[in-house]
Amino acid sequence: MTIKEKMHGDVAVISLKGNLMGEPHTTELRDKIYGLLQEGFKKMVLDLKGVRWINSSGLGTLIASLTSVKNKGGDLRLAALTDKVESVLVVTQLVKVFKEYETVERAVASYKQ
């Protein structure tokens, strides 16, 4: 898995590519998010268009990340989900927990509303 970050003003966009299925990838993602929180970023978007599959470990990392960001007064939004990842979120009812957007641009713009 590769993890890249790009700033859109005060919104951090984290792009993932590969499978989010446990170590070491889940730790890398958590470390990236915690690092951004320490730098003062509270608005984050996870770009998931490059994620082919996610398992329970990956889901746990998303939930833990959302909790950490919200505890710091921020929010974490998901963008560009693949059909497979979307179906996992639907089955697990996590679509009710996360704010999802069709594109990264829409997710970033949602912070300005």
PDB file of N, CA and C in Angstrom:
ATOM      1  N   MET A   1       0.838  -1.178   0.000  1.00  0.00           N
ATOM      2  CA  MET A   1       0.000   0.000   0.000  1.00  0.00           C
ATOM      3  C   MET A   1       0.878   1.234   0.000  1.00  0.00           C
ATOM      4  N   THR A   2       0.456   2.231  -0.765  1.00  0.00           N
ATOM      5  CA  THR A   2       1.136   3.514  -0.741  1.00  0.00           C
ATOM      6  C   THR A   2       0.198   4.567  -0.155  1.00  0.00           C
ATOM      7  N   ILE A   3       0.779   5.478   0.604  1.00  0.00           N
ATOM      8  CA  ILE A   3       0.026   6.543   1.251  1.00  0.00           C
ATOM      9  C   ILE A   3       0.680   7.864   0.868  1.00  0.00           C
ATOM     10  N   LYS A   4      -0.119   8.758   0.278  1.00  0.00           N
ATOM     11  CA  LYS A   4       0.385  10.076  -0.107  1.00  0.00           C
ATOM     12  C   LYS A   4      -0.519  11.129   0.509  1.00  0.00           C
ATOM     13  N   GLU A   5       0.081  12.258   0.837  1.00  0.00           N
ATOM     14  CA  GLU A   5      -0.718  13.357   1.384  1.00  0.00           C
ATOM     15  C   GLU A   5      -0.547  14.589   0.508  1.00  0.00           C
ATOM     16  N   LYS A   6      -1.617  15.375   0.450  1.00  0.00           N
ATOM     17  CA  LYS A   6      -1.608  16.617  -0.308  1.00  0.00           C
ATOM     18  C   LYS A   6      -2.496  17.598   0.437  1.00  0.00           C
ATOM     19  N   MET A   7      -2.046  18.826   0.548  1.00  0.00           N
ATOM     20  CA  MET A   7      -2.820  19.832   1.272  1.00  0.00           C
ATOM     21  C   MET A   7      -3.655  20.656   0.299  1.00  0.00           C
ATOM     22  N   HIS A   8      -4.903  20.862   0.675  1.00  0.00           N
ATOM     23  CA  HIS A   8      -5.818  21.746  -0.047  1.00  0.00           C
ATOM     24  C   HIS A   8      -6.224  22.809   0.962  1.00  0.00           C
ATOM     25  N   GLY A   9      -5.404  23.836   1.097  1.00  0.00           N
ATOM     26  CA  GLY A   9      -5.641  24.833   2.131  1.00  0.00           C
ATOM     27  C   GLY A   9      -5.435  24.211   3.500  1.00  0.00           C
ATOM     28  N   ASP A  10      -6.487  24.242   4.332  1.00  0.00           N
ATOM     29  CA  ASP A  10      -6.387  23.652   5.669  1.00  0.00           C
ATOM     30  C   ASP A  10      -6.944  22.230   5.732  1.00  0.00           C
ATOM     31  N   VAL A  11      -7.185  21.628   4.553  1.00  0.00           N
ATOM     32  CA  VAL A  11      -7.692  20.255   4.483  1.00  0.00           C
ATOM     33  C   VAL A  11      -6.579  19.330   3.997  1.00  0.00           C
ATOM     34  N   ALA A  12      -6.307  18.293   4.778  1.00  0.00           N
ATOM     35  CA  ALA A  12      -5.304  17.294   4.395  1.00  0.00           C
ATOM     36  C   ALA A  12      -5.999  16.160   3.648  1.00  0.00           C
ATOM     37  N   VAL A  13      -5.533  15.883   2.430  1.00  0.00           N
ATOM     38  CA  VAL A  13      -6.072  14.774   1.650  1.00  0.00           C
ATOM     39  C   VAL A  13      -5.049  13.647   1.674  1.00  0.00           C
ATOM     40  N   ILE A  14      -5.477  12.489   2.159  1.00  0.00           N
ATOM     41  CA  ILE A  14      -4.609  11.318   2.249  1.00  0.00           C
ATOM     42  C   ILE A  14      -5.096  10.313   1.215  1.00  0.00           C
ATOM     43  N   SER A  15      -4.249  10.043   0.219  1.00  0.00           N
ATOM     44  CA  SER A  15      -4.606   9.115  -0.853  1.00  0.00           C
ATOM     45  C   SER A  15      -3.989   7.752  -0.583  1.00  0.00           C
ATOM     46  N   LEU A  16      -4.823   6.726  -0.654  1.00  0.00           N
ATOM     47  CA  LEU A  16      -4.381   5.352  -0.408  1.00  0.00           C
ATOM     48  C   LEU A  16      -4.451   4.554  -1.704  1.00  0.00           C
ATOM     49  N   LYS A  17      -3.471   3.670  -1.893  1.00  0.00           N
ATOM     50  CA  LYS A  17      -3.485   2.801  -3.066  1.00  0.00           C
ATOM     51  C   LYS A  17      -3.045   1.411  -2.636  1.00  0.00           C
ATOM     52  N   GLY A  18      -3.865   0.410  -2.941  1.00  0.00           N
ATOM     53  CA  GLY A  18      -3.577  -0.966  -2.549  1.00  0.00           C
ATOM     54  C   GLY A  18      -4.706  -1.526  -1.709  1.00  0.00           C
ATOM     55  N   ASN A  19      -4.393  -2.517  -0.885  1.00  0.00           N
ATOM     56  CA  ASN A  19      -5.378  -3.121   0.012  1.00  0.00           C
ATOM     57  C   ASN A  19      -5.126  -2.654   1.435  1.00  0.00           C
ATOM     58  N   LEU A  20      -6.203  -2.350   2.144  1.00  0.00           N
ATOM     59  CA  LEU A  20      -6.093  -1.940   3.550  1.00  0.00           C
ATOM     60  C   LEU A  20      -6.517  -3.137   4.395  1.00  0.00           C
ATOM     61  N   MET A  21      -5.524  -4.010   4.660  1.00  0.00           N
ATOM     62  CA  MET A  21      -5.848  -5.299   5.272  1.00  0.00           C
ATOM     63  C   MET A  21      -4.858  -5.700   6.368  1.00  0.00           C
ATOM     64  N   GLY A  22      -4.560  -4.803   7.267  1.00  0.00           N
ATOM     65  CA  GLY A  22      -3.710  -5.191   8.388  1.00  0.00           C
ATOM     66  C   GLY A  22      -2.310  -4.621   8.302  1.00  0.00           C
ATOM     67  N   GLU A  23      -1.460  -5.168   9.154  1.00  0.00           N
ATOM     68  CA  GLU A  23      -0.082  -4.674   9.270  1.00  0.00           C
ATOM     69  C   GLU A  23       0.694  -4.919   7.987  1.00  0.00           C
ATOM     70  N   PRO A  24       1.630  -4.049   7.658  1.00  0.00           N
ATOM     71  CA  PRO A  24       1.989  -2.796   8.335  1.00  0.00           C
ATOM     72  C   PRO A  24       1.162  -1.592   7.860  1.00  0.00           C
ATOM     73  N   HIS A  25       0.263  -1.819   6.924  1.00  0.00           N
ATOM     74  CA  HIS A  25      -0.455  -0.711   6.291  1.00  0.00           C
ATOM     75  C   HIS A  25      -1.360   0.060   7.246  1.00  0.00           C
ATOM     76  N   THR A  26      -2.040  -0.658   8.133  1.00  0.00           N
ATOM     77  CA  THR A  26      -2.943   0.029   9.056  1.00  0.00           C
ATOM     78  C   THR A  26      -2.145   0.922  10.013  1.00  0.00           C
ATOM     79  N   THR A  27      -0.973   0.456  10.434  1.00  0.00           N
ATOM     80  CA  THR A  27      -0.122   1.263  11.314  1.00  0.00           C
ATOM     81  C   THR A  27       0.381   2.490  10.577  1.00  0.00           C
ATOM     82  N   GLU A  28       0.758   2.332   9.315  1.00  0.00           N
ATOM     83  CA  GLU A  28       1.240   3.471   8.520  1.00  0.00           C
ATOM     84  C   GLU A  28       0.150   4.530   8.390  1.00  0.00           C
ATOM     85  N   LEU A  29      -1.088   4.099   8.153  1.00  0.00           N
ATOM     86  CA  LEU A  29      -2.184   5.049   8.014  1.00  0.00           C
ATOM     87  C   LEU A  29      -2.456   5.755   9.337  1.00  0.00           C
ATOM     88  N   ARG A  30      -2.503   5.001  10.415  1.00  0.00           N
ATOM     89  CA  ARG A  30      -2.712   5.614  11.739  1.00  0.00           C
ATOM     90  C   ARG A  30      -1.617   6.629  12.043  1.00  0.00           C
ATOM     91  N   ASP A  31      -0.355   6.255  11.779  1.00  0.00           N
ATOM     92  CA  ASP A  31       0.763   7.159  12.044  1.00  0.00           C
ATOM     93  C   ASP A  31       0.645   8.441  11.219  1.00  0.00           C
ATOM     94  N   LYS A  32       0.214   8.316   9.978  1.00  0.00           N
ATOM     95  CA  LYS A  32       0.054   9.478   9.099  1.00  0.00           C
ATOM     96  C   LYS A  32      -1.010  10.415   9.677  1.00  0.00           C
ATOM     97  N   ILE A  33      -2.142   9.853  10.082  1.00  0.00           N
ATOM     98  CA  ILE A  33      -3.237  10.663  10.612  1.00  0.00           C
ATOM     99  C   ILE A  33      -2.840  11.306  11.939  1.00  0.00           C
ATOM    100  N   TYR A  34      -2.209  10.551  12.821  1.00  0.00           N
ATOM    101  CA  TYR A  34      -1.787  11.111  14.102  1.00  0.00           C
ATOM    102  C   TYR A  34      -0.748  12.211  13.901  1.00  0.00           C
ATOM    103  N   GLY A  35       0.137  12.031  12.931  1.00  0.00           N
ATOM    104  CA  GLY A  35       1.142  13.051  12.617  1.00  0.00           C
ATOM    105  C   GLY A  35       0.488  14.341  12.143  1.00  0.00           C
ATOM    106  N   LEU A  36      -0.515  14.210  11.285  1.00  0.00           N
ATOM    107  CA  LEU A  36      -1.231  15.398  10.803  1.00  0.00           C
ATOM    108  C   LEU A  36      -1.967  16.098  11.940  1.00  0.00           C
ATOM    109  N   LEU A  37      -2.543  15.311  12.848  1.00  0.00           N
ATOM    110  CA  LEU A  37      -3.211  15.901  14.017  1.00  0.00           C
ATOM    111  C   LEU A  37      -2.224  16.694  14.865  1.00  0.00           C
ATOM    112  N   GLN A  38      -1.025  16.143  15.059  1.00  0.00           N
ATOM    113  CA  GLN A  38      -0.007  16.827  15.852  1.00  0.00           C
ATOM    114  C   GLN A  38       0.456  18.111  15.174  1.00  0.00           C
ATOM    115  N   GLU A  39       0.385  18.148  13.834  1.00  0.00           N
ATOM    116  CA  GLU A  39       0.755  19.350  13.086  1.00  0.00           C
ATOM    117  C   GLU A  39      -0.369  20.386  13.092  1.00  0.00           C
ATOM    118  N   GLY A  40      -1.528  20.007  13.641  1.00  0.00           N
ATOM    119  CA  GLY A  40      -2.634  20.950  13.760  1.00  0.00           C
ATOM    120  C   GLY A  40      -3.725  20.810  12.707  1.00  0.00           C
ATOM    121  N   PHE A  41      -3.614  19.814  11.845  1.00  0.00           N
ATOM    122  CA  PHE A  41      -4.665  19.601  10.841  1.00  0.00           C
ATOM    123  C   PHE A  41      -5.842  18.877  11.479  1.00  0.00           C
ATOM    124  N   LYS A  42      -7.044  19.438  11.308  1.00  0.00           N
ATOM    125  CA  LYS A  42      -8.238  18.831  11.888  1.00  0.00           C
ATOM    126  C   LYS A  42      -9.261  18.456  10.830  1.00  0.00           C
ATOM    127  N   LYS A  43      -9.019  18.864   9.594  1.00  0.00           N
ATOM    128  CA  LYS A  43      -9.921  18.532   8.487  1.00  0.00           C
ATOM    129  C   LYS A  43      -9.173  17.582   7.563  1.00  0.00           C
ATOM    130  N   MET A  44      -9.692  16.364   7.447  1.00  0.00           N
ATOM    131  CA  MET A  44      -9.016  15.349   6.639  1.00  0.00           C
ATOM    132  C   MET A  44      -9.997  14.643   5.715  1.00  0.00           C
ATOM    133  N   VAL A  45      -9.464  14.266   4.551  1.00  0.00           N
ATOM    134  CA  VAL A  45     -10.211  13.482   3.576  1.00  0.00           C
ATOM    135  C   VAL A  45      -9.361  12.272   3.222  1.00  0.00           C
ATOM    136  N   LEU A  46      -9.974  11.095   3.289  1.00  0.00           N
ATOM    137  CA  LEU A  46      -9.298   9.879   2.837  1.00  0.00           C
ATOM    138  C   LEU A  46      -9.771   9.574   1.422  1.00  0.00           C
ATOM    139  N   ASP A  47      -8.846   9.643   0.474  1.00  0.00           N
ATOM    140  CA  ASP A  47      -9.141   9.328  -0.919  1.00  0.00           C
ATOM    141  C   ASP A  47      -8.946   7.815  -1.091  1.00  0.00           C
ATOM    142  N   LEU A  48     -10.059   7.104  -1.257  1.00  0.00           N
ATOM    143  CA  LEU A  48     -10.018   5.637  -1.295  1.00  0.00           C
ATOM    144  C   LEU A  48     -10.170   5.055  -2.701  1.00  0.00           C
ATOM    145  N   LYS A  49     -10.041   5.881  -3.737  1.00  0.00           N
ATOM    146  CA  LYS A  49     -10.258   5.349  -5.087  1.00  0.00           C
ATOM    147  C   LYS A  49      -9.234   4.282  -5.463  1.00  0.00           C
ATOM    148  N   GLY A  50      -8.070   4.289  -4.820  1.00  0.00           N
ATOM    149  CA  GLY A  50      -7.036   3.302  -5.123  1.00  0.00           C
ATOM    150  C   GLY A  50      -7.072   2.070  -4.223  1.00  0.00           C
ATOM    151  N   VAL A  51      -8.055   2.014  -3.315  1.00  0.00           N
ATOM    152  CA  VAL A  51      -8.154   0.870  -2.391  1.00  0.00           C
ATOM    153  C   VAL A  51      -9.033  -0.202  -3.022  1.00  0.00           C
ATOM    154  N   ARG A  52      -8.421  -1.339  -3.293  1.00  0.00           N
ATOM    155  CA  ARG A  52      -9.158  -2.437  -3.936  1.00  0.00           C
ATOM    156  C   ARG A  52     -10.000  -3.216  -2.935  1.00  0.00           C
ATOM    157  N   TRP A  53      -9.475  -3.396  -1.721  1.00  0.00           N
ATOM    158  CA  TRP A  53     -10.188  -4.209  -0.735  1.00  0.00           C
ATOM    159  C   TRP A  53      -9.829  -3.746   0.660  1.00  0.00           C
ATOM    160  N   ILE A  54     -10.767  -3.950   1.581  1.00  0.00           N
ATOM    161  CA  ILE A  54     -10.557  -3.600   2.981  1.00  0.00           C
ATOM    162  C   ILE A  54     -11.141  -4.723   3.841  1.00  0.00           C
ATOM    163  N   ASN A  55     -10.448  -5.070   4.919  1.00  0.00           N
ATOM    164  CA  ASN A  55     -10.971  -6.111   5.814  1.00  0.00           C
ATOM    165  C   ASN A  55     -11.278  -5.489   7.185  1.00  0.00           C
ATOM    166  N   SER A  56     -11.567  -6.337   8.165  1.00  0.00           N
ATOM    167  CA  SER A  56     -11.960  -5.839   9.482  1.00  0.00           C
ATOM    168  C   SER A  56     -10.860  -5.020  10.138  1.00  0.00           C
ATOM    169  N   SER A  57      -9.612  -5.376   9.912  1.00  0.00           N
ATOM    170  CA  SER A  57      -8.497  -4.619  10.465  1.00  0.00           C
ATOM    171  C   SER A  57      -8.458  -3.221   9.850  1.00  0.00           C
ATOM    172  N   GLY A  58      -8.678  -3.136   8.555  1.00  0.00           N
ATOM    173  CA  GLY A  58      -8.731  -1.845   7.872  1.00  0.00           C
ATOM    174  C   GLY A  58      -9.896  -1.003   8.355  1.00  0.00           C
ATOM    175  N   LEU A  59     -11.055  -1.644   8.534  1.00  0.00           N
ATOM    176  CA  LEU A  59     -12.229  -0.934   9.051  1.00  0.00           C
ATOM    177  C   LEU A  59     -11.969  -0.395  10.451  1.00  0.00           C
ATOM    178  N   GLY A  60     -11.330  -1.199  11.272  1.00  0.00           N
ATOM    179  CA  GLY A  60     -10.994  -0.773  12.626  1.00  0.00           C
ATOM    180  C   GLY A  60     -10.078   0.445  12.621  1.00  0.00           C
ATOM    181  N   THR A  61      -9.155   0.468  11.672  1.00  0.00           N
ATOM    182  CA  THR A  61      -8.247   1.609  11.546  1.00  0.00           C
ATOM    183  C   THR A  61      -9.012   2.858  11.130  1.00  0.00           C
ATOM    184  N   LEU A  62      -9.966   2.719  10.207  1.00  0.00           N
ATOM    185  CA  LEU A  62     -10.776   3.872   9.795  1.00  0.00           C
ATOM    186  C   LEU A  62     -11.574   4.417  10.972  1.00  0.00           C
ATOM    187  N   ILE A  63     -12.179   3.512  11.754  1.00  0.00           N
ATOM    188  CA  ILE A  63     -12.976   3.935  12.904  1.00  0.00           C
ATOM    189  C   ILE A  63     -12.096   4.603  13.965  1.00  0.00           C
ATOM    190  N   ALA A  64     -10.947   4.010  14.254  1.00  0.00           N
ATOM    191  CA  ALA A  64     -10.020   4.587  15.240  1.00  0.00           C
ATOM    192  C   ALA A  64      -9.534   5.956  14.786  1.00  0.00           C
ATOM    193  N   SER A  65      -9.267   6.088  13.478  1.00  0.00           N
ATOM    194  CA  SER A  65      -8.803   7.367  12.940  1.00  0.00           C
ATOM    195  C   SER A  65      -9.884   8.431  13.051  1.00  0.00           C
ATOM    196  N   LEU A  66     -11.117   8.070  12.701  1.00  0.00           N
ATOM    197  CA  LEU A  66     -12.232   9.007  12.812  1.00  0.00           C
ATOM    198  C   LEU A  66     -12.395   9.456  14.266  1.00  0.00           C
ATOM    199  N   THR A  67     -12.324   8.521  15.190  1.00  0.00           N
ATOM    200  CA  THR A  67     -12.466   8.832  16.613  1.00  0.00           C
ATOM    201  C   THR A  67     -11.368   9.788  17.070  1.00  0.00           C
ATOM    202  N   SER A  68     -10.138   9.523  16.674  1.00  0.00           N
ATOM    203  CA  SER A  68      -9.010  10.382  17.068  1.00  0.00           C
ATOM    204  C   SER A  68      -9.177  11.799  16.536  1.00  0.00           C
ATOM    205  N   VAL A  69      -9.576  11.920  15.273  1.00  0.00           N
ATOM    206  CA  VAL A  69      -9.751  13.241  14.660  1.00  0.00           C
ATOM    207  C   VAL A  69     -10.903  13.987  15.332  1.00  0.00           C
ATOM    208  N   LYS A  70     -12.005  13.293  15.579  1.00  0.00           N
ATOM    209  CA  LYS A  70     -13.155  13.938  16.233  1.00  0.00           C
ATOM    210  C   LYS A  70     -12.813  14.365  17.663  1.00  0.00           C
ATOM    211  N   ASN A  71     -11.994  13.574  18.356  1.00  0.00           N
ATOM    212  CA  ASN A  71     -11.588  13.923  19.715  1.00  0.00           C
ATOM    213  C   ASN A  71     -10.750  15.197  19.754  1.00  0.00           C
ATOM    214  N   LYS A  72     -10.131  15.543  18.630  1.00  0.00           N
ATOM    215  CA  LYS A  72      -9.339  16.770  18.527  1.00  0.00           C
ATOM    216  C   LYS A  72     -10.167  17.918  17.948  1.00  0.00           C
ATOM    217  N   GLY A  73     -11.486  17.680  17.780  1.00  0.00           N
ATOM    218  CA  GLY A  73     -12.366  18.728  17.280  1.00  0.00           C
ATOM    219  C   GLY A  73     -12.439  18.817  15.771  1.00  0.00           C
ATOM    220  N   GLY A  74     -11.997  17.775  15.088  1.00  0.00           N
ATOM    221  CA  GLY A  74     -12.001  17.781  13.625  1.00  0.00           C
ATOM    222  C   GLY A  74     -12.951  16.769  13.030  1.00  0.00           C
ATOM    223  N   ASP A  75     -12.739  16.472  11.739  1.00  0.00           N
ATOM    224  CA  ASP A  75     -13.560  15.471  11.065  1.00  0.00           C
ATOM    225  C   ASP A  75     -12.733  14.780   9.992  1.00  0.00           C
ATOM    226  N   LEU A  76     -13.106  13.542   9.708  1.00  0.00           N
ATOM    227  CA  LEU A  76     -12.458  12.720   8.692  1.00  0.00           C
ATOM    228  C   LEU A  76     -13.546  12.264   7.730  1.00  0.00           C
ATOM    229  N   ARG A  77     -13.384  12.581   6.455  1.00  0.00           N
ATOM    230  CA  ARG A  77     -14.392  12.240   5.450  1.00  0.00           C
ATOM    231  C   ARG A  77     -13.787  11.324   4.403  1.00  0.00           C
ATOM    232  N   LEU A  78     -14.623  10.480   3.823  1.00  0.00           N
ATOM    233  CA  LEU A  78     -14.176   9.518   2.822  1.00  0.00           C
ATOM    234  C   LEU A  78     -14.583   9.986   1.433  1.00  0.00           C
ATOM    235  N   ALA A  79     -13.718   9.713   0.457  1.00  0.00           N
ATOM    236  CA  ALA A  79     -14.004  10.128  -0.915  1.00  0.00           C
ATOM    237  C   ALA A  79     -13.632   9.035  -1.904  1.00  0.00           C
ATOM    238  N   ALA A  80     -14.374   9.001  -3.001  1.00  0.00           N
ATOM    239  CA  ALA A  80     -14.066   8.156  -4.160  1.00  0.00           C
ATOM    240  C   ALA A  80     -13.950   6.667  -3.813  1.00  0.00           C
ATOM    241  N   LEU A  81     -14.928   6.158  -3.087  1.00  0.00           N
ATOM    242  CA  LEU A  81     -14.898   4.750  -2.700  1.00  0.00           C
ATOM    243  C   LEU A  81     -15.152   3.842  -3.904  1.00  0.00           C
ATOM    244  N   THR A  82     -14.425   2.740  -3.949  1.00  0.00           N
ATOM    245  CA  THR A  82     -14.688   1.739  -4.977  1.00  0.00           C
ATOM    246  C   THR A  82     -15.948   0.969  -4.587  1.00  0.00           C
ATOM    247  N   ASP A  83     -16.536   0.263  -5.539  1.00  0.00           N
ATOM    248  CA  ASP A  83     -17.749  -0.500  -5.256  1.00  0.00           C
ATOM    249  C   ASP A  83     -17.521  -1.532  -4.151  1.00  0.00           C
ATOM    250  N   LYS A  84     -16.360  -2.190  -4.168  1.00  0.00           N
ATOM    251  CA  LYS A  84     -16.090  -3.221  -3.152  1.00  0.00           C
ATOM    252  C   LYS A  84     -15.996  -2.624  -1.749  1.00  0.00           C
ATOM    253  N   VAL A  85     -15.285  -1.520  -1.627  1.00  0.00           N
ATOM    254  CA  VAL A  85     -15.144  -0.877  -0.315  1.00  0.00           C
ATOM    255  C   VAL A  85     -16.499  -0.331   0.137  1.00  0.00           C
ATOM    256  N   GLU A  86     -17.239   0.267  -0.781  1.00  0.00           N
ATOM    257  CA  GLU A  86     -18.578   0.782  -0.458  1.00  0.00           C
ATOM    258  C   GLU A  86     -19.472  -0.340   0.056  1.00  0.00           C
ATOM    259  N   SER A  87     -19.413  -1.510  -0.587  1.00  0.00           N
ATOM    260  CA  SER A  87     -20.270  -2.622  -0.171  1.00  0.00           C
ATOM    261  C   SER A  87     -19.923  -3.097   1.237  1.00  0.00           C
ATOM    262  N   VAL A  88     -18.647  -3.083   1.597  1.00  0.00           N
ATOM    263  CA  VAL A  88     -18.243  -3.468   2.956  1.00  0.00           C
ATOM    264  C   VAL A  88     -18.794  -2.461   3.966  1.00  0.00           C
ATOM    265  N   LEU A  89     -18.739  -1.178   3.626  1.00  0.00           N
ATOM    266  CA  LEU A  89     -19.274  -0.158   4.542  1.00  0.00           C
ATOM    267  C   LEU A  89     -20.787  -0.274   4.685  1.00  0.00           C
ATOM    268  N   VAL A  90     -21.466  -0.655   3.612  1.00  0.00           N
ATOM    269  CA  VAL A  90     -22.922  -0.833   3.675  1.00  0.00           C
ATOM    270  C   VAL A  90     -23.262  -2.030   4.568  1.00  0.00           C
ATOM    271  N   VAL A  91     -22.606  -3.150   4.340  1.00  0.00           N
ATOM    272  CA  VAL A  91     -22.884  -4.370   5.106  1.00  0.00           C
ATOM    273  C   VAL A  91     -22.615  -4.157   6.595  1.00  0.00           C
ATOM    274  N   THR A  92     -21.557  -3.416   6.913  1.00  0.00           N
ATOM    275  CA  THR A  92     -21.194  -3.190   8.316  1.00  0.00           C
ATOM    276  C   THR A  92     -21.915  -1.987   8.936  1.00  0.00           C
ATOM    277  N   GLN A  93     -22.769  -1.337   8.147  1.00  0.00           N
ATOM    278  CA  GLN A  93     -23.529  -0.171   8.594  1.00  0.00           C
ATOM    279  C   GLN A  93     -22.645   1.045   8.880  1.00  0.00           C
ATOM    280  N   LEU A  94     -21.396   1.022   8.426  1.00  0.00           N
ATOM    281  CA  LEU A  94     -20.504   2.155   8.666  1.00  0.00           C
ATOM    282  C   LEU A  94     -20.814   3.337   7.746  1.00  0.00           C
ATOM    283  N   VAL A  95     -21.696   3.136   6.774  1.00  0.00           N
ATOM    284  CA  VAL A  95     -22.137   4.260   5.945  1.00  0.00           C
ATOM    285  C   VAL A  95     -22.873   5.289   6.799  1.00  0.00           C
ATOM    286  N   LYS A  96     -23.373   4.851   7.953  1.00  0.00           N
ATOM    287  CA  LYS A  96     -24.069   5.760   8.866  1.00  0.00           C
ATOM    288  C   LYS A  96     -23.096   6.547   9.735  1.00  0.00           C
ATOM    289  N   VAL A  97     -21.847   6.090   9.790  1.00  0.00           N
ATOM    290  CA  VAL A  97     -20.839   6.700  10.655  1.00  0.00           C
ATOM    291  C   VAL A  97     -19.983   7.716   9.899  1.00  0.00           C
ATOM    292  N   PHE A  98     -19.612   7.377   8.668  1.00  0.00           N
ATOM    293  CA  PHE A  98     -18.717   8.219   7.873  1.00  0.00           C
ATOM    294  C   PHE A  98     -19.488   9.097   6.895  1.00  0.00           C
ATOM    295  N   LYS A  99     -18.965  10.291   6.653  1.00  0.00           N
ATOM    296  CA  LYS A  99     -19.478  11.144   5.586  1.00  0.00           C
ATOM    297  C   LYS A  99     -18.713  10.753   4.328  1.00  0.00           C
ATOM    298  N   GLU A 100     -19.461  10.394   3.275  1.00  0.00           N
ATOM    299  CA  GLU A 100     -18.851   9.934   2.028  1.00  0.00           C
ATOM    300  C   GLU A 100     -19.169  10.899   0.894  1.00  0.00           C
ATOM    301  N   TYR A 101     -18.193  11.037  -0.011  1.00  0.00           N
ATOM    302  CA  TYR A 101     -18.346  11.921  -1.168  1.00  0.00           C
ATOM    303  C   TYR A 101     -17.846  11.214  -2.423  1.00  0.00           C
ATOM    304  N   GLU A 102     -18.459  11.552  -3.562  1.00  0.00           N
ATOM    305  CA  GLU A 102     -18.101  10.908  -4.826  1.00  0.00           C
ATOM    306  C   GLU A 102     -16.677  11.229  -5.256  1.00  0.00           C
ATOM    307  N   THR A 103     -16.233  12.469  -4.981  1.00  0.00           N
ATOM    308  CA  THR A 103     -14.895  12.889  -5.398  1.00  0.00           C
ATOM    309  C   THR A 103     -14.168  13.571  -4.240  1.00  0.00           C
ATOM    310  N   VAL A 104     -12.852  13.632  -4.367  1.00  0.00           N
ATOM    311  CA  VAL A 104     -12.037  14.340  -3.376  1.00  0.00           C
ATOM    312  C   VAL A 104     -12.417  15.815  -3.359  1.00  0.00           C
ATOM    313  N   GLU A 105     -12.649  16.378  -4.547  1.00  0.00           N
ATOM    314  CA  GLU A 105     -12.993  17.806  -4.637  1.00  0.00           C
ATOM    315  C   GLU A 105     -14.260  18.119  -3.850  1.00  0.00           C
ATOM    316  N   ARG A 106     -15.264  17.261  -3.962  1.00  0.00           N
ATOM    317  CA  ARG A 106     -16.516  17.478  -3.230  1.00  0.00           C
ATOM    318  C   ARG A 106     -16.291  17.341  -1.719  1.00  0.00           C
ATOM    319  N   ALA A 107     -15.461  16.383  -1.324  1.00  0.00           N
ATOM    320  CA  ALA A 107     -15.192  16.197   0.103  1.00  0.00           C
ATOM    321  C   ALA A 107     -14.463  17.417   0.672  1.00  0.00           C
ATOM    322  N   VAL A 108     -13.483  17.926  -0.070  1.00  0.00           N
ATOM    323  CA  VAL A 108     -12.752  19.114   0.377  1.00  0.00           C
ATOM    324  C   VAL A 108     -13.713  20.303   0.449  1.00  0.00           C
ATOM    325  N   ALA A 109     -14.539  20.470  -0.580  1.00  0.00           N
ATOM    326  CA  ALA A 109     -15.492  21.587  -0.629  1.00  0.00           C
ATOM    327  C   ALA A 109     -16.507  21.516   0.507  1.00  0.00           C
ATOM    328  N   SER A 110     -16.825  20.309   0.973  1.00  0.00           N
ATOM    329  CA  SER A 110     -17.821  20.161   2.049  1.00  0.00           C
ATOM    330  C   SER A 110     -17.369  20.823   3.347  1.00  0.00           C
ATOM    331  N   TYR A 111     -16.067  21.009   3.523  1.00  0.00           N
ATOM    332  CA  TYR A 111     -15.570  21.679   4.723  1.00  0.00           C
ATOM    333  C   TYR A 111     -15.802  23.189   4.673  1.00  0.00           C
ATOM    334  N   LYS A 112     -16.038  23.707   3.492  1.00  0.00           N
ATOM    335  CA  LYS A 112     -16.193  25.144   3.347  1.00  0.00           C
ATOM    336  C   LYS A 112     -17.651  25.584   3.422  1.00  0.00           C
ATOM    337  N   GLN A 113     -18.561  24.631   3.574  1.00  0.00           N
ATOM    338  CA  GLN A 113     -19.991  24.951   3.610  1.00  0.00           C
ATOM    339  C   GLN A 113     -20.426  25.337   5.005  1.00  0.00           C
TER     340      GLN A 113
END
